[in-house]
Amino acid sequence: MSYQAPFVDAATSVDPVNRENTFISYYSYGSVLGLALDLSLREEKLNLDDFMKLVWKQYGKAEKPYVIENLQQVLAEYAGIDFASTFFNKYIYKSEMPDYSSLLNSVGVTLKQNSEEPYFGAAVSLDGDGHGEIQSNPKMESPAYISELDKGDIITDINGNGFPDGQQFSAYIQNLKVGDTLKLSFNRFGVEKHATLTLKANPDYHLFLIEKDGKAPSKKQLHKRNNWLKTEY
């Protein structure tokens, strides 16, 4: 990711790219791994803050340089060799996905996808002529990607009707249903083309307290949430 970072941060590049499908910000990636580490440590009655304080004492305060293996060693000192080895081997040296659903549930937070929310898979906006221009590369495995649409395509017709002039395309999609089929007419480099697209469920995740899902958190969940967020109930 660091090889692409300068261009993501606005360095000049004239080459077309597909960063919607090839780039993950190491800032947000590191943050969610930190979240997983914190909640995993809390399952052991430990926490990320105390781990970071130990890292500070050994390396930060002494201004001693360190590498990833040193962080694993400090975590082993703090939480045990088995814990540190499992976390680093799965999520640092490899790219496995922590069980966020279970980890967040431990503090009374729900991680959920909306199976009824329709999903197109690319950003589309009015092009000034009453048509819709695809502004982003379609996300891999999305309906737009499967239908072989591409950035720069100009959608002129949907199911025999003109593009919904004056309406945000995202709002238009939200009025449809998962499984609905769209027959699209579009221009690519001045050539008229056609595609059939079936809307999928939105793969995005949503976070909310389990109370908003109509469930009552247990005393254990509330206690862990209070310790985690430093709040009172």
Protein backbone atom coordinates (compact mmCIF):
# COMPACT_ATOMS: atom_id res chain seq x y z
CA MET A 1 0.00 0.00 0.00
CA SER A 2 2.84 2.40 0.74
CA TYR A 3 3.95 2.26 -2.91
CA GLN A 4 0.59 3.76 -3.94
CA ALA A 5 0.26 6.17 -1.01
CA PRO A 6 1.92 9.21 -2.67
CA PHE A 7 -0.56 9.06 -5.56
CA VAL A 8 -3.52 8.56 -3.23
CA ASP A 9 -2.27 11.68 -1.41
CA ALA A 10 -2.43 13.69 -4.66
CA ALA A 11 0.96 13.17 -6.28
CA THR A 12 0.72 13.71 -10.05
CA SER A 13 -0.07 10.64 -12.14
CA VAL A 14 -1.45 10.49 -15.67
CA ASP A 15 -1.94 6.74 -15.78
CA PRO A 16 -5.46 5.33 -15.30
CA VAL A 17 -5.70 3.37 -12.07
CA ASN A 18 -8.08 0.98 -10.35
CA ARG A 19 -7.48 1.96 -6.74
CA GLU A 20 -11.11 1.32 -5.81
CA ASN A 21 -10.14 -2.35 -6.02
CA THR A 22 -6.41 -2.32 -5.29
CA PHE A 23 -5.77 0.16 -2.46
CA ILE A 24 -6.56 0.00 1.24
CA SER A 25 -5.50 2.90 3.46
CA TYR A 26 -3.06 1.66 6.06
CA TYR A 27 -4.46 4.32 8.41
CA SER A 28 -7.95 2.86 8.55
CA TYR A 29 -6.59 -0.70 8.25
CA GLY A 30 -4.35 -0.11 11.24
CA SER A 31 -7.22 1.42 13.18
CA VAL A 32 -9.52 -1.56 12.73
CA LEU A 33 -6.69 -3.95 13.64
CA GLY A 34 -6.13 -1.86 16.76
CA LEU A 35 -9.82 -2.22 17.55
CA ALA A 36 -9.58 -6.00 17.16
CA LEU A 37 -6.49 -6.12 19.37
CA ASP A 38 -8.13 -4.00 22.06
CA LEU A 39 -11.33 -6.06 22.19
CA SER A 40 -9.35 -9.31 22.07
CA LEU A 41 -7.18 -8.15 24.97
CA ARG A 42 -10.28 -7.21 26.93
CA GLU A 43 -11.44 -10.80 26.63
CA GLU A 44 -8.29 -11.56 28.67
CA LYS A 45 -9.06 -8.70 31.13
CA LEU A 46 -6.30 -6.63 29.52
CA ASN A 47 -6.47 -3.61 27.18
CA LEU A 48 -4.71 -1.81 24.34
CA ASP A 49 -3.89 1.28 26.44
CA ASP A 50 -1.73 -0.66 28.89
CA PHE A 51 -0.03 -2.52 26.04
CA MET A 52 0.84 0.77 24.32
CA LYS A 53 2.15 2.19 27.62
CA LEU A 54 4.49 -0.80 27.84
CA VAL A 55 5.65 -0.17 24.26
CA TRP A 56 6.26 3.47 25.21
CA LYS A 57 8.34 2.54 28.25
CA GLN A 58 10.53 0.13 26.30
CA TYR A 59 10.92 2.07 23.04
CA GLY A 60 9.27 5.50 23.00
CA LYS A 61 10.63 6.96 26.21
CA ALA A 62 14.09 5.55 25.53
CA GLU A 63 13.89 6.72 21.88
CA LYS A 64 14.87 3.23 20.85
CA PRO A 65 13.97 2.18 17.28
CA TYR A 66 11.79 -0.89 16.88
CA VAL A 67 10.38 -3.18 14.18
CA ILE A 68 7.22 -5.28 13.97
CA GLU A 69 8.84 -8.27 15.65
CA ASN A 70 9.61 -6.09 18.69
CA LEU A 71 5.92 -5.21 19.02
CA GLN A 72 5.11 -8.90 18.99
CA GLN A 73 7.68 -9.50 21.73
CA VAL A 74 6.17 -6.77 23.92
CA LEU A 75 2.69 -8.16 23.34
CA ALA A 76 3.98 -11.59 24.37
CA GLU A 77 5.34 -10.07 27.59
CA TYR A 78 2.00 -8.38 28.25
CA ALA A 79 -0.56 -10.98 27.14
CA GLY A 80 1.38 -14.20 26.76
CA ILE A 81 3.27 -15.90 23.94
CA ASP A 82 0.23 -17.81 22.62
CA PHE A 83 -1.93 -14.69 22.40
CA ALA A 84 0.78 -12.64 20.67
CA SER A 85 1.70 -15.42 18.23
CA THR A 86 -1.92 -16.04 17.26
CA PHE A 87 -2.71 -12.35 16.69
CA PHE A 88 0.44 -11.52 14.73
CA ASN A 89 0.45 -14.71 12.64
CA LYS A 90 -3.19 -14.25 11.61
CA TYR A 91 -3.63 -10.50 11.26
CA ILE A 92 -0.19 -8.88 10.92
CA TYR A 93 1.98 -11.31 8.97
CA LYS A 94 -1.12 -12.58 7.13
CA SER A 95 -4.37 -10.84 6.20
CA GLU A 96 -6.99 -12.97 7.91
CA MET A 97 -10.09 -11.18 9.18
CA PRO A 98 -10.74 -10.90 12.93
CA ASP A 99 -14.20 -11.98 14.08
CA TYR A 100 -15.47 -8.43 14.51
CA SER A 101 -19.07 -9.54 14.96
CA SER A 102 -18.20 -11.59 18.04
CA LEU A 103 -15.71 -9.04 19.40
CA LEU A 104 -18.16 -6.15 19.13
CA ASN A 105 -21.00 -8.23 20.53
CA SER A 106 -18.93 -8.68 23.68
CA VAL A 107 -19.46 -4.95 24.37
CA GLY A 108 -23.07 -4.87 23.20
CA VAL A 109 -22.48 -3.54 19.69
CA THR A 110 -24.06 -5.08 16.60
CA LEU A 111 -22.20 -5.40 13.28
CA LYS A 112 -24.72 -6.04 10.54
CA GLN A 113 -25.33 -5.93 6.79
CA ASN A 114 -28.65 -4.88 5.31
CA SER A 115 -29.78 -7.73 3.05
CA GLU A 116 -32.65 -5.60 1.69
CA GLU A 117 -30.61 -2.57 0.61
CA PRO A 118 -29.97 -2.61 -3.18
CA TYR A 119 -26.44 -2.11 -4.45
CA PHE A 120 -25.18 -0.99 -7.87
CA GLY A 121 -21.44 -0.97 -7.25
CA ALA A 122 -20.24 2.29 -8.83
CA ALA A 123 -20.73 6.02 -8.34
CA VAL A 124 -22.92 7.63 -11.01
CA SER A 125 -23.75 11.32 -11.42
CA LEU A 126 -25.44 13.58 -13.94
CA ASP A 127 -23.09 14.56 -16.77
CA GLY A 128 -24.82 17.88 -17.62
CA ASP A 129 -26.74 16.48 -20.59
CA GLY A 130 -29.35 14.59 -18.61
CA HIS A 131 -27.41 11.35 -18.69
CA GLY A 132 -25.50 9.55 -15.97
CA GLU A 133 -21.74 9.19 -16.07
CA ILE A 134 -20.05 6.41 -14.11
CA GLN A 135 -17.51 8.30 -12.01
CA SER A 136 -15.65 5.43 -10.35
CA ASN A 137 -14.30 2.03 -11.25
CA PRO A 138 -16.95 -0.56 -10.34
CA LYS A 139 -16.12 -2.50 -7.17
CA MET A 140 -15.04 -6.08 -7.78
CA GLU A 141 -17.91 -8.61 -7.76
CA SER A 142 -20.49 -5.80 -7.71
CA PRO A 143 -23.41 -5.79 -10.18
CA ALA A 144 -21.77 -3.04 -12.25
CA TYR A 145 -18.49 -5.01 -12.34
CA ILE A 146 -20.18 -8.28 -13.32
CA SER A 147 -22.07 -6.47 -16.10
CA GLU A 148 -18.73 -5.14 -17.40
CA LEU A 149 -19.56 -1.47 -16.97
CA ASP A 150 -16.60 0.86 -16.63
CA LYS A 151 -15.60 4.30 -15.42
CA GLY A 152 -16.53 6.93 -18.00
CA ASP A 153 -19.51 5.04 -19.44
CA ILE A 154 -22.50 7.35 -20.04
CA ILE A 155 -25.82 5.75 -19.08
CA THR A 156 -28.57 7.04 -21.37
CA ASP A 157 -31.44 4.65 -20.76
CA ILE A 158 -32.64 2.39 -17.91
CA ASN A 159 -35.35 -0.20 -18.60
CA GLY A 160 -36.55 1.72 -21.63
CA ASN A 161 -36.70 5.07 -19.84
CA GLY A 162 -34.31 7.99 -19.86
CA PHE A 163 -31.84 8.46 -17.05
CA PRO A 164 -33.69 9.85 -13.98
CA ASP A 165 -32.88 13.51 -14.69
CA GLY A 166 -32.73 15.69 -11.59
CA GLN A 167 -32.57 12.75 -9.19
CA GLN A 168 -29.46 11.44 -7.48
CA PHE A 169 -28.65 8.04 -8.94
CA SER A 170 -28.10 6.62 -5.45
CA ALA A 171 -31.62 7.72 -4.49
CA TYR A 172 -32.98 6.10 -7.65
CA ILE A 173 -31.29 2.80 -6.75
CA GLN A 174 -32.60 2.94 -3.17
CA ASN A 175 -36.17 2.94 -4.54
CA LEU A 176 -35.53 -0.44 -6.18
CA LYS A 177 -35.16 -3.89 -4.64
CA VAL A 178 -32.43 -6.48 -4.34
CA GLY A 179 -32.82 -8.84 -7.30
CA ASP A 180 -34.33 -6.21 -9.61
CA THR A 181 -32.95 -6.33 -13.15
CA LEU A 182 -31.86 -3.19 -14.98
CA LYS A 183 -31.45 -3.09 -18.73
CA LEU A 184 -29.00 -0.30 -19.44
CA SER A 185 -28.12 1.55 -22.62
CA PHE A 186 -24.84 3.47 -22.43
CA ASN A 187 -22.20 5.15 -24.54
CA ARG A 188 -18.54 4.16 -24.35
CA PHE A 189 -16.16 6.25 -26.46
CA GLY A 190 -19.12 7.29 -28.63
CA VAL A 191 -20.31 3.73 -29.24
CA GLU A 192 -23.74 2.69 -27.97
CA LYS A 193 -23.71 -0.45 -25.86
CA HIS A 194 -26.18 -2.42 -23.75
CA ALA A 195 -25.93 -4.38 -20.52
CA THR A 196 -28.22 -6.26 -18.17
CA LEU A 197 -27.55 -5.81 -14.47
CA THR A 198 -29.11 -7.48 -11.42
CA LEU A 199 -28.97 -5.56 -8.16
CA LYS A 200 -27.31 -7.28 -5.19
CA ALA A 201 -27.58 -6.60 -1.46
CA ASN A 202 -25.29 -3.83 -0.23
CA PRO A 203 -22.12 -5.42 1.21
CA ASP A 204 -21.45 -2.46 3.54
CA TYR A 205 -21.58 -3.03 7.29
CA HIS A 206 -23.43 -0.95 9.86
CA LEU A 207 -22.57 -0.50 13.53
CA PHE A 208 -25.08 0.26 16.28
CA LEU A 209 -25.80 -0.54 19.91
CA ILE A 210 -27.78 -3.74 20.32
CA GLU A 211 -30.48 -1.69 22.08
CA LYS A 212 -31.32 -0.17 18.69
CA ASP A 213 -31.87 -3.69 17.39
CA GLY A 214 -34.55 -4.26 20.02
CA LYS A 215 -32.30 -6.32 22.31
CA ALA A 216 -31.30 -5.76 25.91
CA PRO A 217 -27.58 -5.96 26.68
CA SER A 218 -26.52 -8.22 29.53
CA LYS A 219 -24.88 -6.85 32.67
CA LYS A 220 -21.61 -8.35 31.45
CA GLN A 221 -21.87 -6.55 28.10
CA LEU A 222 -22.71 -3.25 29.78
CA HIS A 223 -19.81 -3.63 32.20
CA LYS A 224 -17.39 -4.33 29.34
CA ARG A 225 -18.79 -1.44 27.31
CA ASN A 226 -18.37 0.91 30.27
CA ASN A 227 -14.75 -0.13 30.74
CA TRP A 228 -14.11 0.10 27.00
CA LEU A 229 -15.65 3.54 26.40
CA LYS A 230 -15.20 4.92 29.92
CA THR A 231 -18.92 5.71 30.19
CA GLU A 232 -21.50 5.20 32.93
CA TYR A 233 -24.97 3.66 32.63
